[in-house]
Amino acid sequence: MSNLILSILMLAGAALLAGGIYILRKGTNRKQGLLMLVAAAVMFANVGIWTIPTPESNQPLSPQSGD
């Protein structure tokens, strides 16, 4: 399920990036284009944070098999 969500975030970030560049090049609404670029950067950063592997010591607690 998380792979699906990360894929949707990447597609939405790419669409925002393309749309922001298009609006900036068109020159009609500079503020909206910049906000779209910032939103795309936030989405890409979130995907990056979620995909960084964590060391085994930081994993959530799991039941002990020796009990």
N, C-alpha and C. Protein backbone atom coordinates (compact mmCIF):
# COMPACT_ATOMS: atom_id res chain seq x y z
N MET A 1 0.82 -1.19 0.00
CA MET A 1 0.00 0.00 0.00
C MET A 1 0.87 1.26 0.00
N SER A 2 1.97 1.23 0.75
CA SER A 2 2.81 2.42 0.80
C SER A 2 3.50 2.67 -0.54
N ASN A 3 3.79 1.60 -1.30
CA ASN A 3 4.39 1.79 -2.63
C ASN A 3 3.43 2.53 -3.55
N LEU A 4 2.15 2.22 -3.44
CA LEU A 4 1.14 2.90 -4.26
C LEU A 4 1.08 4.39 -3.91
N ILE A 5 1.09 4.70 -2.62
CA ILE A 5 1.02 6.09 -2.18
C ILE A 5 2.27 6.86 -2.63
N LEU A 6 3.44 6.24 -2.50
CA LEU A 6 4.67 6.91 -2.93
C LEU A 6 4.67 7.12 -4.45
N SER A 7 4.12 6.17 -5.19
CA SER A 7 4.04 6.34 -6.64
C SER A 7 3.11 7.48 -7.02
N ILE A 8 1.98 7.58 -6.33
CA ILE A 8 1.04 8.67 -6.60
C ILE A 8 1.67 10.01 -6.25
N LEU A 9 2.41 10.06 -5.15
CA LEU A 9 3.11 11.30 -4.78
C LEU A 9 4.13 11.71 -5.83
N MET A 10 4.86 10.75 -6.37
CA MET A 10 5.85 11.07 -7.40
C MET A 10 5.17 11.57 -8.67
N LEU A 11 4.06 10.94 -9.06
CA LEU A 11 3.34 11.40 -10.25
C LEU A 11 2.76 12.79 -10.04
N ALA A 12 2.20 13.03 -8.86
CA ALA A 12 1.65 14.35 -8.57
C ALA A 12 2.75 15.40 -8.52
N GLY A 13 3.90 15.05 -7.96
CA GLY A 13 5.02 15.98 -7.93
C GLY A 13 5.52 16.30 -9.32
N ALA A 14 5.57 15.30 -10.20
CA ALA A 14 6.00 15.54 -11.58
C ALA A 14 5.00 16.44 -12.30
N ALA A 15 3.71 16.21 -12.06
CA ALA A 15 2.69 17.05 -12.69
C ALA A 15 2.78 18.49 -12.18
N LEU A 16 3.00 18.67 -10.89
CA LEU A 16 3.15 20.01 -10.34
C LEU A 16 4.41 20.70 -10.89
N LEU A 17 5.47 19.94 -11.01
CA LEU A 17 6.70 20.50 -11.55
C LEU A 17 6.50 20.97 -12.99
N ALA A 18 5.90 20.11 -13.80
CA ALA A 18 5.66 20.47 -15.20
C ALA A 18 4.69 21.65 -15.29
N GLY A 19 3.64 21.64 -14.50
CA GLY A 19 2.68 22.74 -14.51
C GLY A 19 3.28 24.04 -14.04
N GLY A 20 4.11 23.97 -13.01
CA GLY A 20 4.76 25.18 -12.51
C GLY A 20 5.70 25.79 -13.53
N ILE A 21 6.47 24.94 -14.20
CA ILE A 21 7.37 25.44 -15.24
C ILE A 21 6.57 26.04 -16.40
N TYR A 22 5.49 25.37 -16.77
CA TYR A 22 4.65 25.88 -17.86
C TYR A 22 4.07 27.26 -17.52
N ILE A 23 3.55 27.40 -16.30
CA ILE A 23 2.95 28.68 -15.90
C ILE A 23 4.01 29.78 -15.82
N LEU A 24 5.21 29.43 -15.31
CA LEU A 24 6.27 30.44 -15.25
C LEU A 24 6.73 30.87 -16.63
N ARG A 25 6.82 29.94 -17.57
CA ARG A 25 7.25 30.30 -18.93
C ARG A 25 6.18 31.09 -19.66
N LYS A 26 4.91 30.77 -19.34
CA LYS A 26 3.81 31.50 -19.96
C LYS A 26 3.77 32.95 -19.46
N GLY A 27 4.13 33.13 -18.19
CA GLY A 27 4.24 34.46 -17.63
C GLY A 27 2.94 35.07 -17.14
N THR A 28 1.89 34.28 -17.00
CA THR A 28 0.61 34.86 -16.59
C THR A 28 0.48 35.00 -15.08
N ASN A 29 0.87 33.98 -14.34
CA ASN A 29 0.67 34.01 -12.90
C ASN A 29 1.92 33.48 -12.20
N ARG A 30 2.86 34.35 -11.97
CA ARG A 30 4.17 33.96 -11.41
C ARG A 30 4.04 33.34 -10.02
N LYS A 31 3.18 33.91 -9.19
CA LYS A 31 3.03 33.43 -7.81
C LYS A 31 2.51 31.99 -7.79
N GLN A 32 1.54 31.69 -8.62
CA GLN A 32 0.98 30.34 -8.67
C GLN A 32 2.03 29.34 -9.18
N GLY A 33 2.81 29.74 -10.17
CA GLY A 33 3.85 28.86 -10.68
C GLY A 33 4.91 28.55 -9.64
N LEU A 34 5.31 29.57 -8.88
CA LEU A 34 6.30 29.34 -7.82
C LEU A 34 5.74 28.45 -6.72
N LEU A 35 4.49 28.64 -6.37
CA LEU A 35 3.88 27.79 -5.34
C LEU A 35 3.77 26.34 -5.81
N MET A 36 3.51 26.15 -7.09
CA MET A 36 3.47 24.79 -7.63
C MET A 36 4.84 24.13 -7.57
N LEU A 37 5.89 24.90 -7.84
CA LEU A 37 7.25 24.36 -7.75
C LEU A 37 7.61 24.02 -6.31
N VAL A 38 7.20 24.85 -5.37
CA VAL A 38 7.46 24.57 -3.95
C VAL A 38 6.70 23.32 -3.51
N ALA A 39 5.45 23.18 -3.94
CA ALA A 39 4.68 21.98 -3.59
C ALA A 39 5.32 20.72 -4.17
N ALA A 40 5.83 20.81 -5.39
CA ALA A 40 6.51 19.66 -5.99
C ALA A 40 7.76 19.30 -5.20
N ALA A 41 8.52 20.30 -4.78
CA ALA A 41 9.73 20.04 -3.98
C ALA A 41 9.38 19.38 -2.66
N VAL A 42 8.29 19.82 -2.03
CA VAL A 42 7.87 19.21 -0.76
C VAL A 42 7.47 17.76 -0.98
N MET A 43 6.76 17.48 -2.06
CA MET A 43 6.37 16.09 -2.34
C MET A 43 7.59 15.21 -2.58
N PHE A 44 8.55 15.71 -3.36
CA PHE A 44 9.76 14.92 -3.62
C PHE A 44 10.56 14.71 -2.33
N ALA A 45 10.61 15.71 -1.47
CA ALA A 45 11.31 15.56 -0.19
C ALA A 45 10.62 14.53 0.70
N ASN A 46 9.29 14.53 0.71
CA ASN A 46 8.56 13.54 1.51
C ASN A 46 8.82 12.12 1.02
N VAL A 47 8.84 11.93 -0.28
CA VAL A 47 9.14 10.60 -0.82
C VAL A 47 10.56 10.20 -0.45
N GLY A 48 11.48 11.14 -0.54
CA GLY A 48 12.86 10.85 -0.15
C GLY A 48 12.99 10.46 1.31
N ILE A 49 12.28 11.15 2.17
CA ILE A 49 12.34 10.84 3.60
C ILE A 49 11.75 9.46 3.88
N TRP A 50 10.65 9.15 3.24
CA TRP A 50 9.99 7.86 3.49
C TRP A 50 10.77 6.68 2.94
N THR A 51 11.63 6.89 1.94
CA THR A 51 12.35 5.78 1.33
C THR A 51 13.76 5.59 1.90
N ILE A 52 14.21 6.47 2.78
CA ILE A 52 15.53 6.31 3.39
C ILE A 52 15.48 5.11 4.33
N PRO A 53 16.40 4.15 4.14
CA PRO A 53 16.39 2.98 5.03
C PRO A 53 16.83 3.38 6.44
N THR A 54 16.24 2.71 7.42
CA THR A 54 16.59 2.97 8.81
C THR A 54 17.37 1.79 9.37
N PRO A 55 18.28 2.03 10.31
CA PRO A 55 19.01 0.93 10.91
C PRO A 55 18.07 0.04 11.74
N GLU A 56 18.48 -1.16 11.95
CA GLU A 56 17.65 -2.12 12.69
C GLU A 56 17.35 -1.67 14.11
N SER A 57 18.22 -0.89 14.72
CA SER A 57 18.00 -0.45 16.09
C SER A 57 16.86 0.55 16.20
N ASN A 58 16.46 1.19 15.11
CA ASN A 58 15.39 2.18 15.12
C ASN A 58 14.05 1.61 14.70
N GLN A 59 13.98 0.31 14.45
CA GLN A 59 12.74 -0.30 14.04
C GLN A 59 11.77 -0.37 15.20
N PRO A 60 10.45 -0.36 14.93
CA PRO A 60 9.47 -0.49 16.01
C PRO A 60 9.66 -1.82 16.74
N LEU A 61 9.25 -1.84 17.99
CA LEU A 61 9.41 -3.04 18.80
C LEU A 61 8.57 -4.18 18.23
N SER A 62 9.16 -5.36 18.22
CA SER A 62 8.43 -6.54 17.78
C SER A 62 8.41 -7.54 18.94
N PRO A 63 7.42 -8.43 18.95
CA PRO A 63 7.35 -9.40 20.04
C PRO A 63 8.58 -10.29 20.07
N GLN A 64 9.05 -10.58 21.27
CA GLN A 64 10.21 -11.44 21.43
C GLN A 64 9.81 -12.90 21.25
N SER A 65 10.58 -13.65 20.49
CA SER A 65 10.25 -15.05 20.25
C SER A 65 10.70 -15.95 21.41
N GLY A 66 11.56 -15.46 22.30
CA GLY A 66 12.08 -16.27 23.40
C GLY A 66 11.17 -16.29 24.62
N ASP A 67 10.11 -15.51 24.67
CA ASP A 67 9.26 -15.46 25.87
C ASP A 67 8.30 -16.60 25.95
